[in-house]
Amino acid sequence: MADCTSALDIAIQAGIDLGLIRDNLRLSYEERILQHQDALNLALAIELAGQQLHERPATASAAAE
């Protein structure tokens, strides 16, 4: 007898959060775009903070010399 595993069953077994997908699909296109922009802004702010953090020690050590 063949195993008739559905795509949804495979997704659940893989750990995909189908509830999150359903919640996002309930949003309008504009709401999804705004969420995406917020996430992008956060990622860019984190990247900038990391760059500034890595620049500080180099600047401080250069000033100490």
N, C-alpha and C. Protein backbone atom coordinates (compact mmCIF):
# COMPACT_ATOMS: atom_id res chain seq x y z
N MET A 1 0.85 -1.19 0.00
CA MET A 1 0.00 0.00 0.00
C MET A 1 0.89 1.24 0.00
N ALA A 2 0.62 2.19 -0.86
CA ALA A 2 1.43 3.39 -1.01
C ALA A 2 1.13 4.37 0.13
N ASP A 3 2.18 5.11 0.53
CA ASP A 3 2.03 6.13 1.56
C ASP A 3 1.50 7.40 0.92
N CYS A 4 0.32 7.82 1.31
CA CYS A 4 -0.31 9.02 0.73
C CYS A 4 -0.16 10.19 1.68
N THR A 5 1.08 10.65 1.85
CA THR A 5 1.33 11.79 2.72
C THR A 5 1.07 13.07 1.95
N SER A 6 0.23 13.92 2.52
CA SER A 6 -0.11 15.16 1.84
C SER A 6 1.01 16.18 2.03
N ALA A 7 0.98 17.19 1.20
CA ALA A 7 1.97 18.27 1.30
C ALA A 7 1.87 18.95 2.66
N LEU A 8 0.64 19.09 3.19
CA LEU A 8 0.47 19.71 4.50
C LEU A 8 1.11 18.85 5.60
N ASP A 9 0.94 17.55 5.51
CA ASP A 9 1.55 16.65 6.49
C ASP A 9 3.07 16.76 6.44
N ILE A 10 3.61 16.82 5.24
CA ILE A 10 5.06 16.95 5.08
C ILE A 10 5.54 18.27 5.67
N ALA A 11 4.79 19.34 5.42
CA ALA A 11 5.17 20.66 5.96
C ALA A 11 5.14 20.64 7.48
N ILE A 12 4.12 20.06 8.06
CA ILE A 12 4.01 19.97 9.52
C ILE A 12 5.17 19.16 10.08
N GLN A 13 5.49 18.03 9.46
CA GLN A 13 6.60 17.19 9.92
C GLN A 13 7.93 17.92 9.80
N ALA A 14 8.03 18.83 8.84
CA ALA A 14 9.27 19.59 8.65
C ALA A 14 9.37 20.75 9.63
N GLY A 15 8.30 20.99 10.39
CA GLY A 15 8.34 22.04 11.39
C GLY A 15 7.89 23.40 10.89
N ILE A 16 7.24 23.44 9.74
CA ILE A 16 6.76 24.71 9.20
C ILE A 16 5.54 25.15 10.01
N ASP A 17 5.53 26.42 10.43
CA ASP A 17 4.43 26.96 11.23
C ASP A 17 3.30 27.39 10.29
N LEU A 18 2.36 26.49 10.08
CA LEU A 18 1.25 26.77 9.17
C LEU A 18 0.32 27.84 9.74
N GLY A 19 0.24 27.94 11.05
CA GLY A 19 -0.57 28.99 11.66
C GLY A 19 -0.04 30.36 11.31
N LEU A 20 1.27 30.50 11.31
CA LEU A 20 1.88 31.78 10.94
C LEU A 20 1.59 32.12 9.48
N ILE A 21 1.65 31.11 8.63
CA ILE A 21 1.35 31.33 7.21
C ILE A 21 -0.11 31.75 7.05
N ARG A 22 -1.01 31.07 7.76
CA ARG A 22 -2.44 31.44 7.67
C ARG A 22 -2.65 32.87 8.16
N ASP A 23 -2.01 33.22 9.29
CA ASP A 23 -2.16 34.58 9.83
C ASP A 23 -1.69 35.62 8.82
N ASN A 24 -0.56 35.35 8.17
CA ASN A 24 -0.03 36.31 7.20
C ASN A 24 -0.91 36.41 5.96
N LEU A 25 -1.52 35.31 5.57
CA LEU A 25 -2.40 35.35 4.40
C LEU A 25 -3.70 36.08 4.68
N ARG A 26 -4.05 36.24 5.95
CA ARG A 26 -5.23 37.01 6.31
C ARG A 26 -4.99 38.52 6.18
N LEU A 27 -3.73 38.92 6.16
CA LEU A 27 -3.39 40.33 6.05
C LEU A 27 -3.57 40.81 4.61
N SER A 28 -3.83 42.09 4.48
CA SER A 28 -3.90 42.67 3.13
C SER A 28 -2.49 42.78 2.57
N TYR A 29 -2.38 43.03 1.28
CA TYR A 29 -1.06 43.20 0.67
C TYR A 29 -0.33 44.36 1.33
N GLU A 30 -1.05 45.44 1.59
CA GLU A 30 -0.43 46.61 2.21
C GLU A 30 0.09 46.28 3.61
N GLU A 31 -0.68 45.54 4.38
CA GLU A 31 -0.24 45.16 5.72
C GLU A 31 1.01 44.28 5.66
N ARG A 32 1.04 43.37 4.70
CA ARG A 32 2.23 42.51 4.55
C ARG A 32 3.45 43.32 4.14
N ILE A 33 3.27 44.29 3.27
CA ILE A 33 4.38 45.15 2.84
C ILE A 33 4.90 45.95 4.03
N LEU A 34 3.98 46.48 4.85
CA LEU A 34 4.39 47.26 6.02
C LEU A 34 5.16 46.38 7.02
N GLN A 35 4.71 45.14 7.21
CA GLN A 35 5.43 44.22 8.10
C GLN A 35 6.82 43.93 7.55
N HIS A 36 6.89 43.72 6.25
CA HIS A 36 8.18 43.45 5.62
C HIS A 36 9.11 44.64 5.79
N GLN A 37 8.59 45.85 5.58
CA GLN A 37 9.42 47.05 5.72
C GLN A 37 9.90 47.21 7.15
N ASP A 38 9.04 46.94 8.13
CA ASP A 38 9.45 47.01 9.53
C ASP A 38 10.58 46.02 9.82
N ALA A 39 10.45 44.80 9.30
CA ALA A 39 11.49 43.79 9.51
C ALA A 39 12.79 44.20 8.83
N LEU A 40 12.70 44.76 7.63
CA LEU A 40 13.88 45.22 6.92
C LEU A 40 14.56 46.36 7.68
N ASN A 41 13.76 47.31 8.17
CA ASN A 41 14.32 48.41 8.95
C ASN A 41 15.05 47.90 10.19
N LEU A 42 14.47 46.92 10.87
CA LEU A 42 15.11 46.33 12.05
C LEU A 42 16.42 45.67 11.67
N ALA A 43 16.43 44.89 10.59
CA ALA A 43 17.65 44.22 10.15
C ALA A 43 18.74 45.23 9.80
N LEU A 44 18.37 46.31 9.14
CA LEU A 44 19.35 47.34 8.78
C LEU A 44 19.89 48.05 10.02
N ALA A 45 19.02 48.30 11.00
CA ALA A 45 19.46 48.94 12.25
C ALA A 45 20.42 48.03 13.01
N ILE A 46 20.14 46.74 13.03
CA ILE A 46 21.03 45.78 13.69
C ILE A 46 22.37 45.72 12.97
N GLU A 47 22.34 45.71 11.65
CA GLU A 47 23.58 45.70 10.87
C GLU A 47 24.41 46.95 11.15
N LEU A 48 23.77 48.11 11.18
CA LEU A 48 24.47 49.36 11.46
C LEU A 48 25.06 49.35 12.87
N ALA A 49 24.31 48.86 13.83
CA ALA A 49 24.81 48.79 15.21
C ALA A 49 26.04 47.87 15.28
N GLY A 50 26.00 46.77 14.55
CA GLY A 50 27.14 45.87 14.52
C GLY A 50 28.37 46.51 13.90
N GLN A 51 28.15 47.24 12.82
CA GLN A 51 29.28 47.93 12.17
C GLN A 51 29.88 48.97 13.11
N GLN A 52 29.02 49.71 13.80
CA GLN A 52 29.51 50.73 14.73
C GLN A 52 30.24 50.08 15.90
N LEU A 53 29.77 48.96 16.36
CA LEU A 53 30.42 48.25 17.46
C LEU A 53 31.81 47.77 17.05
N HIS A 54 31.95 47.28 15.83
CA HIS A 54 33.24 46.78 15.36
C HIS A 54 34.21 47.91 15.02
N GLU A 55 33.69 49.07 14.72
CA GLU A 55 34.56 50.21 14.40
C GLU A 55 35.14 50.84 15.67
N ARG A 56 34.44 50.79 16.76
CA ARG A 56 34.89 51.43 18.00
C ARG A 56 36.23 50.91 18.50
N PRO A 57 36.41 49.60 18.66
CA PRO A 57 37.70 49.13 19.17
C PRO A 57 38.87 49.50 18.25
N ALA A 58 38.66 49.45 16.95
CA ALA A 58 39.73 49.82 16.02
C ALA A 58 40.10 51.29 16.19
N THR A 59 39.12 52.14 16.36
CA THR A 59 39.36 53.56 16.55
C THR A 59 40.03 53.81 17.90
N ALA A 60 39.58 53.13 18.94
CA ALA A 60 40.15 53.29 20.26
C ALA A 60 41.60 52.80 20.30
N SER A 61 41.90 51.69 19.65
CA SER A 61 43.27 51.19 19.66
C SER A 61 44.19 52.08 18.83
N ALA A 62 43.68 52.65 17.77
CA ALA A 62 44.49 53.53 16.95
C ALA A 62 44.80 54.82 17.73
N ALA A 63 43.86 55.30 18.52
CA ALA A 63 44.08 56.51 19.30
C ALA A 63 45.07 56.26 20.43
N ALA A 64 45.14 55.04 20.93
CA ALA A 64 46.06 54.71 22.03
C ALA A 64 47.49 54.62 21.57
N GLU A 65 47.73 54.43 20.30
CA GLU A 65 49.09 54.28 19.78
C GLU A 65 49.83 55.56 19.65
